[in-house]
Amino acid sequence: MTESELHHAVTLGVIASAVPTWLALRYVSAPYGRHVRGGFGPSLPARLGWVLMESPASLVWLAIFALGTHALEPAPLILCALWQLHYVNRAFLLPTRMKPDGKRMPVLIAGLAIAFNIVNAYVNARQVSELGHYGTAWLVSPPFLGGTALFLTGRHLNVRADEALIALRNEGRGYQIPRGPYFRWISCPNYAAEILEWCGWALATWSFAGLSFAVYTLANLAPRALTHHAWYRAKFPDYPPERRALIPGIW
């Protein structure tokens, strides 16, 4: 089996895993954050678990990317910068802004996330720096320009929504109804924005690898958005009735 064949098979595996992920999360809320509960084995501090499970998406991705024969070319370097722009913040900067609250995360959840992030790092980093073909002309192509615009828009919205949620939690008054422009019409703008980011990535890389991550992100985050939305409505009788989970006015 050539590496291209192996890479294709692993990418198919990422897409295939989106189906059970969607089904599982649609019926069982992932036991961390506001949905944390017992019965899932040993646990570790939530902040530590977050760093452990997200850091491979940055560090392993960068190591695999560096091994590619196209790693020092302009287009792959810019794609690398886009990926790291998201995951350096997510893995290393965001946790430092979270107020310690004593919450814990099942080791099982962290382990599954680590495994996925390592596989996904291989799929996308290898695509960008070795198996894909991104010459300098790619930087002015419609897919790259449109995808990059979507990615950066999604990242901006994702960061701003996360900042609003962190500020709310750091007030020390427990969970509250999020307010402000990002939460006017949907309960989970941070999830909607992250889905937008990785759809932009799929377009910017114009690859099956990028598409696989966009599909998996949707399968992972959409059910959680629905669960969060239901939780808000159950917890707060005055929760804004016009809000939807993920798509304004629709869903």
C-alpha atoms as a PDB file:
ATOM      1  CA  MET A   1       0.000   0.000   0.000  1.00  0.00           C
ATOM      2  CA  THR A   2       1.361   3.414  -0.963  1.00  0.00           C
ATOM      3  CA  GLU A   3       1.155   6.340   1.410  1.00  0.00           C
ATOM      4  CA  SER A   4      -1.458   7.976  -0.811  1.00  0.00           C
ATOM      5  CA  GLU A   5      -3.627   4.877  -0.478  1.00  0.00           C
ATOM      6  CA  LEU A   6      -3.073   4.757   3.283  1.00  0.00           C
ATOM      7  CA  HIS A   7      -3.867   8.445   3.615  1.00  0.00           C
ATOM      8  CA  HIS A   8      -7.055   8.019   1.603  1.00  0.00           C
ATOM      9  CA  ALA A   9      -8.119   5.069   3.757  1.00  0.00           C
ATOM     10  CA  VAL A  10      -7.504   6.978   6.999  1.00  0.00           C
ATOM     11  CA  THR A  11      -9.394   9.976   5.627  1.00  0.00           C
ATOM     12  CA  LEU A  12     -12.327   7.710   4.801  1.00  0.00           C
ATOM     13  CA  GLY A  13     -12.121   6.487   8.384  1.00  0.00           C
ATOM     14  CA  VAL A  14     -12.469  10.042   9.704  1.00  0.00           C
ATOM     15  CA  ILE A  15     -15.595  10.565   7.619  1.00  0.00           C
ATOM     16  CA  ALA A  16     -17.002   7.173   8.634  1.00  0.00           C
ATOM     17  CA  SER A  17     -16.456   8.013  12.308  1.00  0.00           C
ATOM     18  CA  ALA A  18     -18.694  11.058  11.919  1.00  0.00           C
ATOM     19  CA  VAL A  19     -21.787   8.831  11.769  1.00  0.00           C
ATOM     20  CA  PRO A  20     -21.394   7.078  15.152  1.00  0.00           C
ATOM     21  CA  THR A  21     -20.172  10.350  16.660  1.00  0.00           C
ATOM     22  CA  TRP A  22     -23.362  12.118  15.588  1.00  0.00           C
ATOM     23  CA  LEU A  23     -25.586   9.283  16.800  1.00  0.00           C
ATOM     24  CA  ALA A  24     -23.792   8.908  20.139  1.00  0.00           C
ATOM     25  CA  LEU A  25     -23.822  12.615  20.958  1.00  0.00           C
ATOM     26  CA  ARG A  26     -27.410  12.985  19.842  1.00  0.00           C
ATOM     27  CA  TYR A  27     -28.548  10.624  22.586  1.00  0.00           C
ATOM     28  CA  VAL A  28     -25.789  10.849  25.227  1.00  0.00           C
ATOM     29  CA  SER A  29     -24.318  14.246  26.159  1.00  0.00           C
ATOM     30  CA  ALA A  30     -20.527  14.194  26.418  1.00  0.00           C
ATOM     31  CA  PRO A  31     -19.790  14.212  30.188  1.00  0.00           C
ATOM     32  CA  TYR A  32     -17.714  17.359  30.577  1.00  0.00           C
ATOM     33  CA  GLY A  33     -18.359  21.050  31.072  1.00  0.00           C
ATOM     34  CA  ARG A  34     -21.948  21.717  32.115  1.00  0.00           C
ATOM     35  CA  HIS A  35     -22.847  18.098  31.391  1.00  0.00           C
ATOM     36  CA  VAL A  36     -20.198  16.538  33.643  1.00  0.00           C
ATOM     37  CA  ARG A  37     -21.378  13.551  35.683  1.00  0.00           C
ATOM     38  CA  GLY A  38     -20.105  10.321  37.143  1.00  0.00           C
ATOM     39  CA  GLY A  39     -20.141   6.856  35.668  1.00  0.00           C
ATOM     40  CA  PHE A  40     -17.433   7.316  33.043  1.00  0.00           C
ATOM     41  CA  GLY A  41     -14.408   6.046  34.943  1.00  0.00           C
ATOM     42  CA  PRO A  42     -11.439   7.975  36.359  1.00  0.00           C
ATOM     43  CA  SER A  43     -11.187  11.690  35.805  1.00  0.00           C
ATOM     44  CA  LEU A  44      -8.617  14.489  35.768  1.00  0.00           C
ATOM     45  CA  PRO A  45      -8.824  18.277  36.239  1.00  0.00           C
ATOM     46  CA  ALA A  46     -10.815  19.724  33.359  1.00  0.00           C
ATOM     47  CA  ARG A  47      -8.227  22.358  32.447  1.00  0.00           C
ATOM     48  CA  LEU A  48      -5.433  19.771  32.293  1.00  0.00           C
ATOM     49  CA  GLY A  49      -7.645  17.459  30.268  1.00  0.00           C
ATOM     50  CA  TRP A  50      -8.384  20.271  27.830  1.00  0.00           C
ATOM     51  CA  VAL A  51      -4.691  20.989  27.223  1.00  0.00           C
ATOM     52  CA  LEU A  52      -3.818  17.308  26.892  1.00  0.00           C
ATOM     53  CA  MET A  53      -6.550  16.583  24.389  1.00  0.00           C
ATOM     54  CA  GLU A  54      -6.149  19.714  22.240  1.00  0.00           C
ATOM     55  CA  SER A  55      -2.346  20.074  22.163  1.00  0.00           C
ATOM     56  CA  PRO A  56      -1.747  17.184  19.688  1.00  0.00           C
ATOM     57  CA  ALA A  57      -3.836  19.088  17.155  1.00  0.00           C
ATOM     58  CA  SER A  58      -1.142  21.777  17.268  1.00  0.00           C
ATOM     59  CA  LEU A  59       2.105  19.982  18.153  1.00  0.00           C
ATOM     60  CA  VAL A  60       1.662  16.666  16.337  1.00  0.00           C
ATOM     61  CA  TRP A  61       0.250  18.504  13.329  1.00  0.00           C
ATOM     62  CA  LEU A  62       3.294  20.790  13.224  1.00  0.00           C
ATOM     63  CA  ALA A  63       5.729  17.870  13.514  1.00  0.00           C
ATOM     64  CA  ILE A  64       4.053  15.953  10.693  1.00  0.00           C
ATOM     65  CA  PHE A  65       3.825  19.091   8.570  1.00  0.00           C
ATOM     66  CA  ALA A  66       7.564  19.755   9.004  1.00  0.00           C
ATOM     67  CA  LEU A  67       8.406  16.335   7.531  1.00  0.00           C
ATOM     68  CA  GLY A  68       6.723  17.138   4.220  1.00  0.00           C
ATOM     69  CA  THR A  69       8.767  17.953   1.137  1.00  0.00           C
ATOM     70  CA  HIS A  70       6.644  21.092   0.506  1.00  0.00           C
ATOM     71  CA  ALA A  71       6.752  22.381   4.076  1.00  0.00           C
ATOM     72  CA  LEU A  72       8.813  25.474   3.277  1.00  0.00           C
ATOM     73  CA  GLU A  73       6.791  26.555   0.258  1.00  0.00           C
ATOM     74  CA  PRO A  74       4.616  29.691   0.581  1.00  0.00           C
ATOM     75  CA  ALA A  75       1.131  28.203   0.209  1.00  0.00           C
ATOM     76  CA  PRO A  76       1.669  25.279   2.614  1.00  0.00           C
ATOM     77  CA  LEU A  77       3.238  27.656   5.144  1.00  0.00           C
ATOM     78  CA  ILE A  78       0.214  29.946   5.024  1.00  0.00           C
ATOM     79  CA  LEU A  79      -2.131  26.982   5.414  1.00  0.00           C
ATOM     80  CA  CYS A  80      -0.019  25.866   8.363  1.00  0.00           C
ATOM     81  CA  ALA A  81      -0.357  29.331   9.884  1.00  0.00           C
ATOM     82  CA  LEU A  82      -4.148  29.184   9.556  1.00  0.00           C
ATOM     83  CA  TRP A  83      -4.306  25.826  11.314  1.00  0.00           C
ATOM     84  CA  GLN A  84      -2.001  26.938  14.115  1.00  0.00           C
ATOM     85  CA  LEU A  85      -3.896  30.207  14.487  1.00  0.00           C
ATOM     86  CA  HIS A  86      -6.853  28.165  15.656  1.00  0.00           C
ATOM     87  CA  TYR A  87      -5.154  25.457  17.683  1.00  0.00           C
ATOM     88  CA  VAL A  88      -2.461  27.442  19.502  1.00  0.00           C
ATOM     89  CA  ASN A  89      -5.258  29.569  20.909  1.00  0.00           C
ATOM     90  CA  ARG A  90      -7.491  26.595  21.615  1.00  0.00           C
ATOM     91  CA  ALA A  91      -4.880  24.354  23.220  1.00  0.00           C
ATOM     92  CA  PHE A  92      -2.622  26.795  25.069  1.00  0.00           C
ATOM     93  CA  LEU A  93      -4.093  30.295  25.349  1.00  0.00           C
ATOM     94  CA  LEU A  94      -7.777  29.655  25.996  1.00  0.00           C
ATOM     95  CA  PRO A  95      -7.191  27.391  29.051  1.00  0.00           C
ATOM     96  CA  THR A  96      -5.150  30.106  30.788  1.00  0.00           C
ATOM     97  CA  ARG A  97      -8.185  32.380  30.701  1.00  0.00           C
ATOM     98  CA  MET A  98     -10.530  29.861  32.260  1.00  0.00           C
ATOM     99  CA  LYS A  99     -11.151  30.467  35.948  1.00  0.00           C
ATOM    100  CA  PRO A 100     -10.352  27.340  38.005  1.00  0.00           C
ATOM    101  CA  ASP A 101     -13.650  25.855  39.157  1.00  0.00           C
ATOM    102  CA  GLY A 102     -12.714  22.384  40.365  1.00  0.00           C
ATOM    103  CA  LYS A 103     -14.474  20.645  37.503  1.00  0.00           C
ATOM    104  CA  ARG A 104     -13.130  17.388  36.174  1.00  0.00           C
ATOM    105  CA  MET A 105     -13.144  15.513  32.901  1.00  0.00           C
ATOM    106  CA  PRO A 106     -13.276  11.747  32.360  1.00  0.00           C
ATOM    107  CA  VAL A 107      -9.943  10.323  31.213  1.00  0.00           C
ATOM    108  CA  LEU A 108     -11.962   8.423  28.603  1.00  0.00           C
ATOM    109  CA  ILE A 109     -13.125  11.655  26.955  1.00  0.00           C
ATOM    110  CA  ALA A 110      -9.623  13.141  26.933  1.00  0.00           C
ATOM    111  CA  GLY A 111      -8.189   9.901  25.532  1.00  0.00           C
ATOM    112  CA  LEU A 112     -10.708   9.687  22.698  1.00  0.00           C
ATOM    113  CA  ALA A 113     -10.051  13.318  21.781  1.00  0.00           C
ATOM    114  CA  ILE A 114      -6.279  12.777  21.818  1.00  0.00           C
ATOM    115  CA  ALA A 115      -6.629   9.776  19.503  1.00  0.00           C
ATOM    116  CA  PHE A 116      -8.826  11.684  17.077  1.00  0.00           C
ATOM    117  CA  ASN A 117      -6.586  14.751  17.068  1.00  0.00           C
ATOM    118  CA  ILE A 118      -3.518  12.652  16.267  1.00  0.00           C
ATOM    119  CA  VAL A 119      -5.287  10.927  13.373  1.00  0.00           C
ATOM    120  CA  ASN A 120      -6.714  14.202  12.116  1.00  0.00           C
ATOM    121  CA  ALA A 121      -3.284  15.842  12.401  1.00  0.00           C
ATOM    122  CA  TYR A 122      -1.836  13.168  10.135  1.00  0.00           C
ATOM    123  CA  VAL A 123      -4.670  13.473   7.615  1.00  0.00           C
ATOM    124  CA  ASN A 124      -4.513  17.245   7.243  1.00  0.00           C
ATOM    125  CA  ALA A 125      -0.828  18.007   7.833  1.00  0.00           C
ATOM    126  CA  ARG A 126       0.294  15.335   5.395  1.00  0.00           C
ATOM    127  CA  GLN A 127      -2.172  16.628   2.827  1.00  0.00           C
ATOM    128  CA  VAL A 128      -0.837  20.167   3.073  1.00  0.00           C
ATOM    129  CA  SER A 129       2.928  19.578   3.134  1.00  0.00           C
ATOM    130  CA  GLU A 130       3.384  16.340   1.181  1.00  0.00           C
ATOM    131  CA  LEU A 131       0.472  14.786  -0.678  1.00  0.00           C
ATOM    132  CA  GLY A 132      -1.295  17.931  -1.893  1.00  0.00           C
ATOM    133  CA  HIS A 133      -0.047  20.307  -4.567  1.00  0.00           C
ATOM    134  CA  TYR A 134      -0.200  23.933  -3.521  1.00  0.00           C
ATOM    135  CA  GLY A 135       2.032  26.059  -5.706  1.00  0.00           C
ATOM    136  CA  THR A 136       2.355  29.799  -5.351  1.00  0.00           C
ATOM    137  CA  ALA A 137      -0.508  30.276  -7.830  1.00  0.00           C
ATOM    138  CA  TRP A 138      -2.811  28.572  -5.321  1.00  0.00           C
ATOM    139  CA  LEU A 139      -2.600  31.695  -3.140  1.00  0.00           C
ATOM    140  CA  VAL A 140      -4.691  33.651  -5.656  1.00  0.00           C
ATOM    141  CA  SER A 141      -7.090  30.858  -6.557  1.00  0.00           C
ATOM    142  CA  PRO A 142     -10.827  31.306  -5.783  1.00  0.00           C
ATOM    143  CA  PRO A 143     -10.970  28.262  -3.443  1.00  0.00           C
ATOM    144  CA  PHE A 144      -8.039  29.505  -1.377  1.00  0.00           C
ATOM    145  CA  LEU A 145      -9.237  33.108  -1.191  1.00  0.00           C
ATOM    146  CA  GLY A 146     -12.834  32.177  -0.442  1.00  0.00           C
ATOM    147  CA  GLY A 147     -11.875  29.462   2.023  1.00  0.00           C
ATOM    148  CA  THR A 148      -9.431  31.686   3.860  1.00  0.00           C
ATOM    149  CA  ALA A 149     -12.060  34.419   4.148  1.00  0.00           C
ATOM    150  CA  LEU A 150     -14.528  31.896   5.617  1.00  0.00           C
ATOM    151  CA  PHE A 151     -11.903  30.498   7.965  1.00  0.00           C
ATOM    152  CA  LEU A 152     -10.846  33.893   9.312  1.00  0.00           C
ATOM    153  CA  THR A 153     -14.443  35.039   9.679  1.00  0.00           C
ATOM    154  CA  GLY A 154     -15.291  31.877  11.582  1.00  0.00           C
ATOM    155  CA  ARG A 155     -12.218  32.206  13.766  1.00  0.00           C
ATOM    156  CA  HIS A 156     -13.056  35.802  14.672  1.00  0.00           C
ATOM    157  CA  LEU A 157     -16.609  34.874  15.635  1.00  0.00           C
ATOM    158  CA  ASN A 158     -15.437  31.767  17.498  1.00  0.00           C
ATOM    159  CA  VAL A 159     -12.927  33.707  19.592  1.00  0.00           C
ATOM    160  CA  ARG A 160     -15.357  36.510  20.383  1.00  0.00           C
ATOM    161  CA  ALA A 161     -18.099  34.094  21.426  1.00  0.00           C
ATOM    162  CA  ASP A 162     -15.664  32.122  23.587  1.00  0.00           C
ATOM    163  CA  GLU A 163     -14.480  35.341  25.228  1.00  0.00           C
ATOM    164  CA  ALA A 164     -18.060  36.282  26.077  1.00  0.00           C
ATOM    165  CA  LEU A 165     -18.691  32.872  27.652  1.00  0.00           C
ATOM    166  CA  ILE A 166     -15.426  32.968  29.623  1.00  0.00           C
ATOM    167  CA  ALA A 167     -16.203  36.447  30.950  1.00  0.00           C
ATOM    168  CA  LEU A 168     -19.642  35.245  32.030  1.00  0.00           C
ATOM    169  CA  ARG A 169     -18.252  32.204  33.855  1.00  0.00           C
ATOM    170  CA  ASN A 170     -15.461  34.197  35.483  1.00  0.00           C
ATOM    171  CA  GLU A 171     -18.034  36.391  37.212  1.00  0.00           C
ATOM    172  CA  GLY A 172     -18.376  33.505  39.655  1.00  0.00           C
ATOM    173  CA  ARG A 173     -22.177  33.376  39.646  1.00  0.00           C
ATOM    174  CA  GLY A 174     -22.540  29.995  37.977  1.00  0.00           C
ATOM    175  CA  TYR A 175     -24.109  29.448  34.580  1.00  0.00           C
ATOM    176  CA  GLN A 176     -26.174  32.335  33.256  1.00  0.00           C
ATOM    177  CA  ILE A 177     -28.005  33.178  30.052  1.00  0.00           C
ATOM    178  CA  PRO A 178     -25.434  34.510  27.560  1.00  0.00           C
ATOM    179  CA  ARG A 179     -26.302  37.933  26.204  1.00  0.00           C
ATOM    180  CA  GLY A 180     -24.898  40.164  23.525  1.00  0.00           C
ATOM    181  CA  PRO A 181     -24.791  40.279  19.730  1.00  0.00           C
ATOM    182  CA  TYR A 182     -23.260  36.840  19.228  1.00  0.00           C
ATOM    183  CA  PHE A 183     -26.025  35.157  21.236  1.00  0.00           C
ATOM    184  CA  ARG A 184     -28.980  37.150  19.933  1.00  0.00           C
ATOM    185  CA  TRP A 185     -30.317  34.428  17.657  1.00  0.00           C
ATOM    186  CA  ILE A 186     -28.520  31.182  18.574  1.00  0.00           C
ATOM    187  CA  SER A 187     -27.411  29.456  21.762  1.00  0.00           C
ATOM    188  CA  CYS A 188     -24.027  28.249  20.477  1.00  0.00           C
ATOM    189  CA  PRO A 189     -22.391  30.833  18.188  1.00  0.00           C
ATOM    190  CA  ASN A 190     -18.972  29.456  19.165  1.00  0.00           C
ATOM    191  CA  TYR A 191     -19.903  26.077  17.674  1.00  0.00           C
ATOM    192  CA  ALA A 192     -21.484  27.613  14.578  1.00  0.00           C
ATOM    193  CA  ALA A 193     -18.343  29.682  14.041  1.00  0.00           C
ATOM    194  CA  GLU A 194     -16.046  26.683  14.420  1.00  0.00           C
ATOM    195  CA  ILE A 195     -18.051  24.737  11.857  1.00  0.00           C
ATOM    196  CA  LEU A 196     -17.679  27.738   9.537  1.00  0.00           C
ATOM    197  CA  GLU A 197     -13.922  27.746  10.146  1.00  0.00           C
ATOM    198  CA  TRP A 198     -13.407  24.161   9.075  1.00  0.00           C
ATOM    199  CA  CYS A 199     -15.712  24.509   6.087  1.00  0.00           C
ATOM    200  CA  GLY A 200     -13.394  27.350   5.106  1.00  0.00           C
ATOM    201  CA  TRP A 201     -10.408  25.075   5.641  1.00  0.00           C
ATOM    202  CA  ALA A 202     -11.944  22.403   3.407  1.00  0.00           C
ATOM    203  CA  LEU A 203     -12.415  25.012   0.695  1.00  0.00           C
ATOM    204  CA  ALA A 204      -8.963  26.587   1.114  1.00  0.00           C
ATOM    205  CA  THR A 205      -7.242  23.197   0.851  1.00  0.00           C
ATOM    206  CA  TRP A 206      -9.741  21.901  -1.757  1.00  0.00           C
ATOM    207  CA  SER A 207      -9.100  18.421  -0.447  1.00  0.00           C
ATOM    208  CA  PHE A 208     -10.815  15.258   0.741  1.00  0.00           C
ATOM    209  CA  ALA A 209      -8.730  15.612   3.912  1.00  0.00           C
ATOM    210  CA  GLY A 210     -10.123  19.061   4.624  1.00  0.00           C
ATOM    211  CA  LEU A 211     -13.639  17.920   3.832  1.00  0.00           C
ATOM    212  CA  SER A 212     -13.319  15.015   6.254  1.00  0.00           C
ATOM    213  CA  PHE A 213     -12.571  17.372   9.134  1.00  0.00           C
ATOM    214  CA  ALA A 214     -15.416  19.712   8.206  1.00  0.00           C
ATOM    215  CA  VAL A 215     -17.834  16.763   8.161  1.00  0.00           C
ATOM    216  CA  TYR A 216     -16.549  15.442  11.488  1.00  0.00           C
ATOM    217  CA  THR A 217     -16.707  18.893  13.087  1.00  0.00           C
ATOM    218  CA  LEU A 218     -20.359  19.186  12.099  1.00  0.00           C
ATOM    219  CA  ALA A 219     -21.090  15.690  13.455  1.00  0.00           C
ATOM    220  CA  ASN A 220     -19.332  16.497  16.721  1.00  0.00           C
ATOM    221  CA  LEU A 221     -20.553  20.023  17.409  1.00  0.00           C
ATOM    222  CA  ALA A 222     -24.096  20.098  16.048  1.00  0.00           C
ATOM    223  CA  PRO A 223     -25.412  17.494  18.543  1.00  0.00           C
ATOM    224  CA  ARG A 224     -23.633  19.298  21.383  1.00  0.00           C
ATOM    225  CA  ALA A 225     -25.241  22.556  20.289  1.00  0.00           C
ATOM    226  CA  LEU A 226     -28.666  20.903  20.424  1.00  0.00           C
ATOM    227  CA  THR A 227     -27.891  19.488  23.878  1.00  0.00           C
ATOM    228  CA  HIS A 228     -26.683  22.881  25.143  1.00  0.00           C
ATOM    229  CA  HIS A 229     -29.790  24.564  23.762  1.00  0.00           C
ATOM    230  CA  ALA A 230     -32.089  22.064  25.483  1.00  0.00           C
ATOM    231  CA  TRP A 231     -30.121  22.496  28.725  1.00  0.00           C
ATOM    232  CA  TYR A 232     -30.486  26.293  28.611  1.00  0.00           C
ATOM    233  CA  ARG A 233     -34.213  26.059  27.993  1.00  0.00           C
ATOM    234  CA  ALA A 234     -34.700  23.582  30.830  1.00  0.00           C
ATOM    235  CA  LYS A 235     -32.572  25.545  33.314  1.00  0.00           C
ATOM    236  CA  PHE A 236     -33.819  29.065  32.581  1.00  0.00           C
ATOM    237  CA  PRO A 237     -37.615  29.571  32.322  1.00  0.00           C
ATOM    238  CA  ASP A 238     -37.004  33.038  30.837  1.00  0.00           C
ATOM    239  CA  TYR A 239     -34.634  31.780  28.147  1.00  0.00           C
ATOM    240  CA  PRO A 240     -35.227  33.797  24.936  1.00  0.00           C
ATOM    241  CA  PRO A 241     -37.787  31.787  22.931  1.00  0.00           C
ATOM    242  CA  GLU A 242     -36.575  33.125  19.577  1.00  0.00           C
ATOM    243  CA  ARG A 243     -33.158  31.553  19.950  1.00  0.00           C
ATOM    244  CA  ARG A 244     -32.276  28.401  18.062  1.00  0.00           C
ATOM    245  CA  ALA A 245     -29.361  26.076  18.722  1.00  0.00           C
ATOM    246  CA  LEU A 246     -27.103  26.617  15.724  1.00  0.00           C
ATOM    247  CA  ILE A 247     -28.831  28.262  12.752  1.00  0.00           C
ATOM    248  CA  PRO A 248     -30.882  31.448  13.319  1.00  0.00           C
ATOM    249  CA  GLY A 249     -34.596  30.890  12.880  1.00  0.00           C
ATOM    250  CA  ILE A 250     -34.172  27.319  11.674  1.00  0.00           C
ATOM    251  CA  TRP A 251     -32.349  24.862  13.933  1.00  0.00           C
END
